[in-house]
mmCIF file of all heavy atoms, coordinates in Angstrom:
data_MODEL
# 
_entry.id   MODEL 
# 
loop_
_atom_site.group_PDB 
_atom_site.id 
_atom_site.type_symbol 
_atom_site.label_atom_id 
_atom_site.label_alt_id 
_atom_site.label_comp_id 
_atom_site.label_asym_id 
_atom_site.label_entity_id 
_atom_site.label_seq_id 
_atom_site.pdbx_PDB_ins_code 
_atom_site.Cartn_x 
_atom_site.Cartn_y 
_atom_site.Cartn_z 
_atom_site.occupancy 
_atom_site.B_iso_or_equiv 
_atom_site.pdbx_formal_charge 
_atom_site.auth_seq_id 
_atom_site.auth_comp_id 
_atom_site.auth_asym_id 
_atom_site.auth_atom_id 
_atom_site.pdbx_PDB_model_num 
ATOM 1   N N   . THR A 1 1  ? 102.706 103.167 110.067 1.00 0.00 ? 1  THR A N   1 
ATOM 2   C CA  . THR A 1 1  ? 103.278 101.938 109.543 1.00 0.00 ? 1  THR A CA  1 
ATOM 3   C C   . THR A 1 1  ? 103.063 100.775 110.440 1.00 0.00 ? 1  THR A C   1 
ATOM 4   O O   . THR A 1 1  ? 102.706 99.681  110.014 1.00 0.00 ? 1  THR A O   1 
ATOM 5   C CB  . THR A 1 1  ? 104.761 102.103 109.183 1.00 0.00 ? 1  THR A CB  1 
ATOM 6   O OG1 . THR A 1 1  ? 104.870 103.240 108.258 1.00 0.00 ? 1  THR A OG1 1 
ATOM 7   C CG2 . THR A 1 1  ? 105.299 100.887 108.544 1.00 0.00 ? 1  THR A CG2 1 
ATOM 8   N N   . ARG A 1 2  ? 103.376 100.946 111.710 1.00 0.00 ? 2  ARG A N   1 
ATOM 9   C CA  . ARG A 1 2  ? 103.265 99.786  112.708 1.00 0.00 ? 2  ARG A CA  1 
ATOM 10  C C   . ARG A 1 2  ? 101.843 99.406  112.810 1.00 0.00 ? 2  ARG A C   1 
ATOM 11  O O   . ARG A 1 2  ? 101.533 98.182  112.881 1.00 0.00 ? 2  ARG A O   1 
ATOM 12  C CB  . ARG A 1 2  ? 103.653 100.302 114.038 1.00 0.00 ? 2  ARG A CB  1 
ATOM 13  C CG  . ARG A 1 2  ? 105.298 100.402 114.194 1.00 0.00 ? 2  ARG A CG  1 
ATOM 14  C CD  . ARG A 1 2  ? 105.718 100.828 115.568 1.00 0.00 ? 2  ARG A CD  1 
ATOM 15  N NE  . ARG A 1 2  ? 107.121 100.773 115.799 1.00 0.00 ? 2  ARG A NE  1 
ATOM 16  C CZ  . ARG A 1 2  ? 107.697 99.698  116.264 1.00 0.00 ? 2  ARG A CZ  1 
ATOM 17  N NH1 . ARG A 1 2  ? 107.016 98.597  116.532 1.00 0.00 ? 2  ARG A NH1 1 
ATOM 18  N NH2 . ARG A 1 2  ? 109.093 99.650  116.368 1.00 0.00 ? 2  ARG A NH2 1 
ATOM 19  N N   . ARG A 1 3  ? 100.884 100.395 112.873 1.00 0.00 ? 3  ARG A N   1 
ATOM 20  C CA  . ARG A 1 3  ? 99.437  99.968  112.888 1.00 0.00 ? 3  ARG A CA  1 
ATOM 21  C C   . ARG A 1 3  ? 99.040  99.148  111.732 1.00 0.00 ? 3  ARG A C   1 
ATOM 22  O O   . ARG A 1 3  ? 98.331  98.148  111.823 1.00 0.00 ? 3  ARG A O   1 
ATOM 23  C CB  . ARG A 1 3  ? 98.587  101.246 113.039 1.00 0.00 ? 3  ARG A CB  1 
ATOM 24  C CG  . ARG A 1 3  ? 98.721  101.918 114.349 1.00 0.00 ? 3  ARG A CG  1 
ATOM 25  C CD  . ARG A 1 3  ? 97.892  103.227 114.371 1.00 0.00 ? 3  ARG A CD  1 
ATOM 26  N NE  . ARG A 1 3  ? 96.413  102.935 114.168 1.00 0.00 ? 3  ARG A NE  1 
ATOM 27  C CZ  . ARG A 1 3  ? 95.567  103.945 114.116 1.00 0.00 ? 3  ARG A CZ  1 
ATOM 28  N NH1 . ARG A 1 3  ? 95.823  105.192 114.115 1.00 0.00 ? 3  ARG A NH1 1 
ATOM 29  N NH2 . ARG A 1 3  ? 94.254  103.648 114.012 1.00 0.00 ? 3  ARG A NH2 1 
ATOM 30  N N   . LEU A 1 4  ? 99.531  99.546  110.524 1.00 0.00 ? 4  LEU A N   1 
ATOM 31  C CA  . LEU A 1 4  ? 99.119  98.856  109.322 1.00 0.00 ? 4  LEU A CA  1 
ATOM 32  C C   . LEU A 1 4  ? 99.790  97.493  109.227 1.00 0.00 ? 4  LEU A C   1 
ATOM 33  O O   . LEU A 1 4  ? 99.125  96.512  108.796 1.00 0.00 ? 4  LEU A O   1 
ATOM 34  C CB  . LEU A 1 4  ? 99.531  99.736  108.083 1.00 0.00 ? 4  LEU A CB  1 
ATOM 35  C CG  . LEU A 1 4  ? 98.812  101.082 107.964 1.00 0.00 ? 4  LEU A CG  1 
ATOM 36  C CD1 . LEU A 1 4  ? 99.499  101.879 106.919 1.00 0.00 ? 4  LEU A CD1 1 
ATOM 37  C CD2 . LEU A 1 4  ? 97.367  100.793 107.525 1.00 0.00 ? 4  LEU A CD2 1 
ATOM 38  N N   . VAL A 1 5  ? 101.033 97.414  109.624 1.00 0.00 ? 5  VAL A N   1 
ATOM 39  C CA  . VAL A 1 5  ? 101.776 96.022  109.559 1.00 0.00 ? 5  VAL A CA  1 
ATOM 40  C C   . VAL A 1 5  ? 101.085 95.099  110.490 1.00 0.00 ? 5  VAL A C   1 
ATOM 41  O O   . VAL A 1 5  ? 101.040 93.865  110.143 1.00 0.00 ? 5  VAL A O   1 
ATOM 42  C CB  . VAL A 1 5  ? 103.282 96.269  109.849 1.00 0.00 ? 5  VAL A CB  1 
ATOM 43  C CG1 . VAL A 1 5  ? 103.889 94.923  110.115 1.00 0.00 ? 5  VAL A CG1 1 
ATOM 44  C CG2 . VAL A 1 5  ? 103.931 97.123  108.753 1.00 0.00 ? 5  VAL A CG2 1 
ATOM 45  N N   . ARG A 1 6  ? 100.579 95.514  111.572 1.00 0.00 ? 6  ARG A N   1 
ATOM 46  C CA  . ARG A 1 6  ? 100.071 94.556  112.582 1.00 0.00 ? 6  ARG A CA  1 
ATOM 47  C C   . ARG A 1 6  ? 98.778  93.815  112.133 1.00 0.00 ? 6  ARG A C   1 
ATOM 48  O O   . ARG A 1 6  ? 98.428  92.874  112.669 1.00 0.00 ? 6  ARG A O   1 
ATOM 49  C CB  . ARG A 1 6  ? 99.766  95.299  113.921 1.00 0.00 ? 6  ARG A CB  1 
ATOM 50  C CG  . ARG A 1 6  ? 101.006 95.711  114.674 1.00 0.00 ? 6  ARG A CG  1 
ATOM 51  C CD  . ARG A 1 6  ? 100.670 96.124  116.087 1.00 0.00 ? 6  ARG A CD  1 
ATOM 52  N NE  . ARG A 1 6  ? 101.795 96.640  116.744 1.00 0.00 ? 6  ARG A NE  1 
ATOM 53  C CZ  . ARG A 1 6  ? 102.105 97.940  117.001 1.00 0.00 ? 6  ARG A CZ  1 
ATOM 54  N NH1 . ARG A 1 6  ? 101.228 98.850  116.536 1.00 0.00 ? 6  ARG A NH1 1 
ATOM 55  N NH2 . ARG A 1 6  ? 103.189 98.275  117.678 1.00 0.00 ? 6  ARG A NH2 1 
ATOM 56  N N   . VAL A 1 7  ? 98.166  94.350  111.024 1.00 0.00 ? 7  VAL A N   1 
ATOM 57  C CA  . VAL A 1 7  ? 97.036  93.663  110.460 1.00 0.00 ? 7  VAL A CA  1 
ATOM 58  C C   . VAL A 1 7  ? 97.588  92.748  109.298 1.00 0.00 ? 7  VAL A C   1 
ATOM 59  O O   . VAL A 1 7  ? 98.197  93.206  108.330 1.00 0.00 ? 7  VAL A O   1 
ATOM 60  C CB  . VAL A 1 7  ? 95.982  94.656  109.851 1.00 0.00 ? 7  VAL A CB  1 
ATOM 61  C CG1 . VAL A 1 7  ? 94.897  93.909  109.227 1.00 0.00 ? 7  VAL A CG1 1 
ATOM 62  C CG2 . VAL A 1 7  ? 95.484  95.541  110.994 1.00 0.00 ? 7  VAL A CG2 1 
ATOM 63  N N   . ARG A 1 8  ? 97.412  91.522  109.486 1.00 0.00 ? 8  ARG A N   1 
ATOM 64  C CA  . ARG A 1 8  ? 97.900  90.488  108.507 1.00 0.00 ? 8  ARG A CA  1 
ATOM 65  C C   . ARG A 1 8  ? 97.032  90.445  107.318 1.00 0.00 ? 8  ARG A C   1 
ATOM 66  O O   . ARG A 1 8  ? 96.037  89.721  107.242 1.00 0.00 ? 8  ARG A O   1 
ATOM 67  C CB  . ARG A 1 8  ? 98.068  89.161  109.155 1.00 0.00 ? 8  ARG A CB  1 
ATOM 68  C CG  . ARG A 1 8  ? 98.702  88.044  108.283 1.00 0.00 ? 8  ARG A CG  1 
ATOM 69  C CD  . ARG A 1 8  ? 99.029  86.885  108.999 1.00 0.00 ? 8  ARG A CD  1 
ATOM 70  N NE  . ARG A 1 8  ? 100.014 87.053  110.062 1.00 0.00 ? 8  ARG A NE  1 
ATOM 71  C CZ  . ARG A 1 8  ? 100.703 86.056  110.716 1.00 0.00 ? 8  ARG A CZ  1 
ATOM 72  N NH1 . ARG A 1 8  ? 100.425 84.853  110.310 1.00 0.00 ? 8  ARG A NH1 1 
ATOM 73  N NH2 . ARG A 1 8  ? 101.483 86.359  111.552 1.00 0.00 ? 8  ARG A NH2 1 
ATOM 74  N N   . SER A 1 9  ? 97.377  91.275  106.261 1.00 0.00 ? 9  SER A N   1 
ATOM 75  C CA  . SER A 1 9  ? 96.468  91.434  105.144 1.00 0.00 ? 9  SER A CA  1 
ATOM 76  C C   . SER A 1 9  ? 97.075  90.701  103.919 1.00 0.00 ? 9  SER A C   1 
ATOM 77  O O   . SER A 1 9  ? 97.188  91.284  102.906 1.00 0.00 ? 9  SER A O   1 
ATOM 78  C CB  . SER A 1 9  ? 96.288  92.873  104.866 1.00 0.00 ? 9  SER A CB  1 
ATOM 79  O OG  . SER A 1 9  ? 97.493  93.552  104.659 1.00 0.00 ? 9  SER A OG  1 
ATOM 80  N N   . CYS A 1 10 ? 97.406  89.411  104.103 1.00 0.00 ? 10 CYS A N   1 
ATOM 81  C CA  . CYS A 1 10 ? 97.942  88.706  102.975 1.00 0.00 ? 10 CYS A CA  1 
ATOM 82  C C   . CYS A 1 10 ? 96.885  88.620  101.768 1.00 0.00 ? 10 CYS A C   1 
ATOM 83  O O   . CYS A 1 10 ? 95.768  88.552  102.129 1.00 0.00 ? 10 CYS A O   1 
ATOM 84  C CB  . CYS A 1 10 ? 98.297  87.221  103.374 1.00 0.00 ? 10 CYS A CB  1 
ATOM 85  S SG  . CYS A 1 10 ? 99.481  87.101  104.716 1.00 0.00 ? 10 CYS A SG  1 
ATOM 86  N N   . SER A 1 11 ? 97.393  88.677  100.557 1.00 0.00 ? 11 SER A N   1 
ATOM 87  C CA  . SER A 1 11 ? 96.565  88.672  99.447  1.00 0.00 ? 11 SER A CA  1 
ATOM 88  C C   . SER A 1 11 ? 95.641  87.447  99.417  1.00 0.00 ? 11 SER A C   1 
ATOM 89  O O   . SER A 1 11 ? 96.076  86.393  99.644  1.00 0.00 ? 11 SER A O   1 
ATOM 90  C CB  . SER A 1 11 ? 97.343  88.850  98.220  1.00 0.00 ? 11 SER A CB  1 
ATOM 91  O OG  . SER A 1 11 ? 96.574  89.130  97.059  1.00 0.00 ? 11 SER A OG  1 
ATOM 92  N N   . ARG A 1 12 ? 94.310  87.738  99.053  1.00 0.00 ? 12 ARG A N   1 
ATOM 93  C CA  . ARG A 1 12 ? 93.361  86.657  98.907  1.00 0.00 ? 12 ARG A CA  1 
ATOM 94  C C   . ARG A 1 12 ? 93.045  86.066  100.242 1.00 0.00 ? 12 ARG A C   1 
ATOM 95  O O   . ARG A 1 12 ? 92.817  84.801  100.349 1.00 0.00 ? 12 ARG A O   1 
ATOM 96  C CB  . ARG A 1 12 ? 93.808  85.636  97.921  1.00 0.00 ? 12 ARG A CB  1 
ATOM 97  C CG  . ARG A 1 12 ? 94.003  86.173  96.486  1.00 0.00 ? 12 ARG A CG  1 
ATOM 98  C CD  . ARG A 1 12 ? 92.766  86.095  95.679  1.00 0.00 ? 12 ARG A CD  1 
ATOM 99  N NE  . ARG A 1 12 ? 92.893  86.843  94.445  1.00 0.00 ? 12 ARG A NE  1 
ATOM 100 C CZ  . ARG A 1 12 ? 92.439  86.429  93.290  1.00 0.00 ? 12 ARG A CZ  1 
ATOM 101 N NH1 . ARG A 1 12 ? 92.020  85.182  93.192  1.00 0.00 ? 12 ARG A NH1 1 
ATOM 102 N NH2 . ARG A 1 12 ? 92.568  87.141  92.243  1.00 0.00 ? 12 ARG A NH2 1 
ATOM 103 N N   . THR A 1 13 ? 93.012  86.785  101.376 1.00 0.00 ? 13 THR A N   1 
ATOM 104 C CA  . THR A 1 13 ? 92.595  86.334  102.602 1.00 0.00 ? 13 THR A CA  1 
ATOM 105 C C   . THR A 1 13 ? 91.635  87.350  103.252 1.00 0.00 ? 13 THR A C   1 
ATOM 106 O O   . THR A 1 13 ? 91.648  88.512  102.888 1.00 0.00 ? 13 THR A O   1 
ATOM 107 C CB  . THR A 1 13 ? 93.797  86.205  103.604 1.00 0.00 ? 13 THR A CB  1 
ATOM 108 O OG1 . THR A 1 13 ? 94.345  87.466  104.005 1.00 0.00 ? 13 THR A OG1 1 
ATOM 109 C CG2 . THR A 1 13 ? 94.952  85.350  102.953 1.00 0.00 ? 13 THR A CG2 1 
ATOM 110 N N   . PRO A 1 14 ? 90.836  86.947  104.307 1.00 0.00 ? 14 PRO A N   1 
ATOM 111 C CA  . PRO A 1 14 ? 89.962  87.868  104.987 1.00 0.00 ? 14 PRO A CA  1 
ATOM 112 C C   . PRO A 1 14 ? 90.767  89.083  105.668 1.00 0.00 ? 14 PRO A C   1 
ATOM 113 O O   . PRO A 1 14 ? 90.091  90.056  105.944 1.00 0.00 ? 14 PRO A O   1 
ATOM 114 C CB  . PRO A 1 14 ? 89.346  87.035  106.016 1.00 0.00 ? 14 PRO A CB  1 
ATOM 115 C CG  . PRO A 1 14 ? 89.323  85.625  105.467 1.00 0.00 ? 14 PRO A CG  1 
ATOM 116 C CD  . PRO A 1 14 ? 90.631  85.613  104.730 1.00 0.00 ? 14 PRO A CD  1 
ATOM 117 N N   . GLY A 1 15 ? 91.991  88.894  105.869 1.00 0.00 ? 15 GLY A N   1 
ATOM 118 C CA  . GLY A 1 15 ? 92.797  90.031  106.435 1.00 0.00 ? 15 GLY A CA  1 
ATOM 119 C C   . GLY A 1 15 ? 92.704  91.283  105.693 1.00 0.00 ? 15 GLY A C   1 
ATOM 120 O O   . GLY A 1 15 ? 92.935  92.370  106.196 1.00 0.00 ? 15 GLY A O   1 
ATOM 121 N N   . GLU A 1 16 ? 92.507  91.158  104.343 1.00 0.00 ? 16 GLU A N   1 
ATOM 122 C CA  . GLU A 1 16 ? 92.402  92.339  103.528 1.00 0.00 ? 16 GLU A CA  1 
ATOM 123 C C   . GLU A 1 16 ? 91.162  93.227  103.909 1.00 0.00 ? 16 GLU A C   1 
ATOM 124 O O   . GLU A 1 16 ? 91.311  94.459  103.879 1.00 0.00 ? 16 GLU A O   1 
ATOM 125 C CB  . GLU A 1 16 ? 92.279  91.979  101.987 1.00 0.00 ? 16 GLU A CB  1 
ATOM 126 C CG  . GLU A 1 16 ? 93.598  91.442  101.450 1.00 0.00 ? 16 GLU A CG  1 
ATOM 127 C CD  . GLU A 1 16 ? 93.524  91.046  100.001 1.00 0.00 ? 16 GLU A CD  1 
ATOM 128 O OE1 . GLU A 1 16 ? 93.023  89.905  99.785  1.00 0.00 ? 16 GLU A OE1 1 
ATOM 129 O OE2 . GLU A 1 16 ? 93.889  91.856  99.158  1.00 0.00 ? 16 GLU A OE2 1 
ATOM 130 N N   . ARG A 1 17 ? 90.063  92.556  104.298 1.00 0.00 ? 17 ARG A N   1 
ATOM 131 C CA  . ARG A 1 17 ? 88.959  93.306  104.770 1.00 0.00 ? 17 ARG A CA  1 
ATOM 132 C C   . ARG A 1 17 ? 89.296  93.998  106.066 1.00 0.00 ? 17 ARG A C   1 
ATOM 133 O O   . ARG A 1 17 ? 88.872  95.133  106.342 1.00 0.00 ? 17 ARG A O   1 
ATOM 134 C CB  . ARG A 1 17 ? 87.726  92.381  104.997 1.00 0.00 ? 17 ARG A CB  1 
ATOM 135 C CG  . ARG A 1 17 ? 87.079  91.936  103.644 1.00 0.00 ? 17 ARG A CG  1 
ATOM 136 C CD  . ARG A 1 17 ? 86.451  93.178  103.004 1.00 0.00 ? 17 ARG A CD  1 
ATOM 137 N NE  . ARG A 1 17 ? 85.510  93.946  103.872 1.00 0.00 ? 17 ARG A NE  1 
ATOM 138 C CZ  . ARG A 1 17 ? 84.322  93.648  104.097 1.00 0.00 ? 17 ARG A CZ  1 
ATOM 139 N NH1 . ARG A 1 17 ? 83.710  92.745  103.501 1.00 0.00 ? 17 ARG A NH1 1 
ATOM 140 N NH2 . ARG A 1 17 ? 83.583  94.396  104.918 1.00 0.00 ? 17 ARG A NH2 1 
ATOM 141 N N   . GLN A 1 18 ? 89.996  93.343  106.954 1.00 0.00 ? 18 GLN A N   1 
ATOM 142 C CA  . GLN A 1 18 ? 90.375  93.949  108.176 1.00 0.00 ? 18 GLN A CA  1 
ATOM 143 C C   . GLN A 1 18 ? 91.176  95.157  108.014 1.00 0.00 ? 18 GLN A C   1 
ATOM 144 O O   . GLN A 1 18 ? 91.072  96.189  108.681 1.00 0.00 ? 18 GLN A O   1 
ATOM 145 C CB  . GLN A 1 18 ? 91.100  92.997  109.070 1.00 0.00 ? 18 GLN A CB  1 
ATOM 146 C CG  . GLN A 1 18 ? 90.331  91.700  109.481 1.00 0.00 ? 18 GLN A CG  1 
ATOM 147 C CD  . GLN A 1 18 ? 91.184  90.682  110.192 1.00 0.00 ? 18 GLN A CD  1 
ATOM 148 O OE1 . GLN A 1 18 ? 92.180  90.995  110.797 1.00 0.00 ? 18 GLN A OE1 1 
ATOM 149 N NE2 . GLN A 1 18 ? 90.750  89.441  110.026 1.00 0.00 ? 18 GLN A NE2 1 
ATOM 150 N N   . LEU A 1 19 ? 92.136  95.112  106.969 1.00 0.00 ? 19 LEU A N   1 
ATOM 151 C CA  . LEU A 1 19 ? 92.992  96.315  106.781 1.00 0.00 ? 19 LEU A CA  1 
ATOM 152 C C   . LEU A 1 19 ? 92.167  97.416  106.160 1.00 0.00 ? 19 LEU A C   1 
ATOM 153 O O   . LEU A 1 19 ? 92.444  98.560  106.520 1.00 0.00 ? 19 LEU A O   1 
ATOM 154 C CB  . LEU A 1 19 ? 94.153  95.891  105.825 1.00 0.00 ? 19 LEU A CB  1 
ATOM 155 C CG  . LEU A 1 19 ? 95.425  96.724  105.829 1.00 0.00 ? 19 LEU A CG  1 
ATOM 156 C CD1 . LEU A 1 19 ? 95.230  98.069  105.154 1.00 0.00 ? 19 LEU A CD1 1 
ATOM 157 C CD2 . LEU A 1 19 ? 95.906  96.954  107.302 1.00 0.00 ? 19 LEU A CD2 1 
ATOM 158 N N   . SER A 1 20 ? 91.233  97.094  105.307 1.00 0.00 ? 20 SER A N   1 
ATOM 159 C CA  . SER A 1 20 ? 90.404  98.164  104.670 1.00 0.00 ? 20 SER A CA  1 
ATOM 160 C C   . SER A 1 20 ? 89.601  98.839  105.746 1.00 0.00 ? 20 SER A C   1 
ATOM 161 O O   . SER A 1 20 ? 89.406  100.042 105.798 1.00 0.00 ? 20 SER A O   1 
ATOM 162 C CB  . SER A 1 20 ? 89.517  97.648  103.588 1.00 0.00 ? 20 SER A CB  1 
ATOM 163 O OG  . SER A 1 20 ? 88.538  96.687  104.136 1.00 0.00 ? 20 SER A OG  1 
ATOM 164 N N   . ASP A 1 21 ? 89.078  98.092  106.739 1.00 0.00 ? 21 ASP A N   1 
ATOM 165 C CA  . ASP A 1 21 ? 88.407  98.710  107.895 1.00 0.00 ? 21 ASP A CA  1 
ATOM 166 C C   . ASP A 1 21 ? 89.273  99.639  108.644 1.00 0.00 ? 21 ASP A C   1 
ATOM 167 O O   . ASP A 1 21 ? 88.874  100.701 109.077 1.00 0.00 ? 21 ASP A O   1 
ATOM 168 C CB  . ASP A 1 21 ? 87.824  97.574  108.805 1.00 0.00 ? 21 ASP A CB  1 
ATOM 169 C CG  . ASP A 1 21 ? 86.759  96.750  108.148 1.00 0.00 ? 21 ASP A CG  1 
ATOM 170 O OD1 . ASP A 1 21 ? 86.070  97.300  107.155 1.00 0.00 ? 21 ASP A OD1 1 
ATOM 171 O OD2 . ASP A 1 21 ? 86.432  95.701  108.640 1.00 0.00 ? 21 ASP A OD2 1 
ATOM 172 N N   . LEU A 1 22 ? 90.549  99.255  108.882 1.00 0.00 ? 22 LEU A N   1 
ATOM 173 C CA  . LEU A 1 22 ? 91.459  100.042 109.634 1.00 0.00 ? 22 LEU A CA  1 
ATOM 174 C C   . LEU A 1 22 ? 91.728  101.366 108.832 1.00 0.00 ? 22 LEU A C   1 
ATOM 175 O O   . LEU A 1 22 ? 91.807  102.476 109.423 1.00 0.00 ? 22 LEU A O   1 
ATOM 176 C CB  . LEU A 1 22 ? 92.774  99.362  109.871 1.00 0.00 ? 22 LEU A CB  1 
ATOM 177 C CG  . LEU A 1 22 ? 93.908  100.174 110.445 1.00 0.00 ? 22 LEU A CG  1 
ATOM 178 C CD1 . LEU A 1 22 ? 93.516  100.736 111.820 1.00 0.00 ? 22 LEU A CD1 1 
ATOM 179 C CD2 . LEU A 1 22 ? 95.146  99.306  110.597 1.00 0.00 ? 22 LEU A CD2 1 
ATOM 180 N N   . LEU A 1 23 ? 91.914  101.268 107.520 1.00 0.00 ? 23 LEU A N   1 
ATOM 181 C CA  . LEU A 1 23 ? 92.091  102.444 106.714 1.00 0.00 ? 23 LEU A CA  1 
ATOM 182 C C   . LEU A 1 23 ? 91.018  103.459 106.816 1.00 0.00 ? 23 LEU A C   1 
ATOM 183 O O   . LEU A 1 23 ? 91.243  104.650 106.902 1.00 0.00 ? 23 LEU A O   1 
ATOM 184 C CB  . LEU A 1 23 ? 92.343  102.047 105.225 1.00 0.00 ? 23 LEU A CB  1 
ATOM 185 C CG  . LEU A 1 23 ? 93.727  101.420 104.876 1.00 0.00 ? 23 LEU A CG  1 
ATOM 186 C CD1 . LEU A 1 23 ? 93.764  100.793 103.587 1.00 0.00 ? 23 LEU A CD1 1 
ATOM 187 C CD2 . LEU A 1 23 ? 94.868  102.455 105.083 1.00 0.00 ? 23 LEU A CD2 1 
ATOM 188 N N   . VAL A 1 24 ? 89.782  102.937 106.851 1.00 0.00 ? 24 VAL A N   1 
ATOM 189 C CA  . VAL A 1 24 ? 88.661  103.841 106.952 1.00 0.00 ? 24 VAL A CA  1 
ATOM 190 C C   . VAL A 1 24 ? 88.628  104.549 108.275 1.00 0.00 ? 24 VAL A C   1 
ATOM 191 O O   . VAL A 1 24 ? 88.444  105.756 108.416 1.00 0.00 ? 24 VAL A O   1 
ATOM 192 C CB  . VAL A 1 24 ? 87.340  103.018 106.796 1.00 0.00 ? 24 VAL A CB  1 
ATOM 193 C CG1 . VAL A 1 24 ? 86.116  103.892 107.169 1.00 0.00 ? 24 VAL A CG1 1 
ATOM 194 C CG2 . VAL A 1 24 ? 87.141  102.569 105.373 1.00 0.00 ? 24 VAL A CG2 1 
ATOM 195 N N   . ARG A 1 25 ? 89.038  103.813 109.385 1.00 0.00 ? 25 ARG A N   1 
ATOM 196 C CA  . ARG A 1 25 ? 89.132  104.422 110.697 1.00 0.00 ? 25 ARG A CA  1 
ATOM 197 C C   . ARG A 1 25 ? 90.191  105.494 110.752 1.00 0.00 ? 25 ARG A C   1 
ATOM 198 O O   . ARG A 1 25 ? 90.014  106.623 111.320 1.00 0.00 ? 25 ARG A O   1 
ATOM 199 C CB  . ARG A 1 25 ? 89.439  103.397 111.763 1.00 0.00 ? 25 ARG A CB  1 
ATOM 200 C CG  . ARG A 1 25 ? 88.222  102.407 111.985 1.00 0.00 ? 25 ARG A CG  1 
ATOM 201 C CD  . ARG A 1 25 ? 88.493  101.680 113.317 1.00 0.00 ? 25 ARG A CD  1 
ATOM 202 N NE  . ARG A 1 25 ? 89.654  100.904 113.347 1.00 0.00 ? 25 ARG A NE  1 
ATOM 203 C CZ  . ARG A 1 25 ? 89.785  99.612  112.977 1.00 0.00 ? 25 ARG A CZ  1 
ATOM 204 N NH1 . ARG A 1 25 ? 88.686  98.998  112.482 1.00 0.00 ? 25 ARG A NH1 1 
ATOM 205 N NH2 . ARG A 1 25 ? 90.917  98.946  113.054 1.00 0.00 ? 25 ARG A NH2 1 
# 
């Protein structure tokens, strides 16, 4: 949860791509 929260993945922002990359890892 902490790892996921630290990525700012606000809707309709490039942060969503960063979070998807983390999920794949």
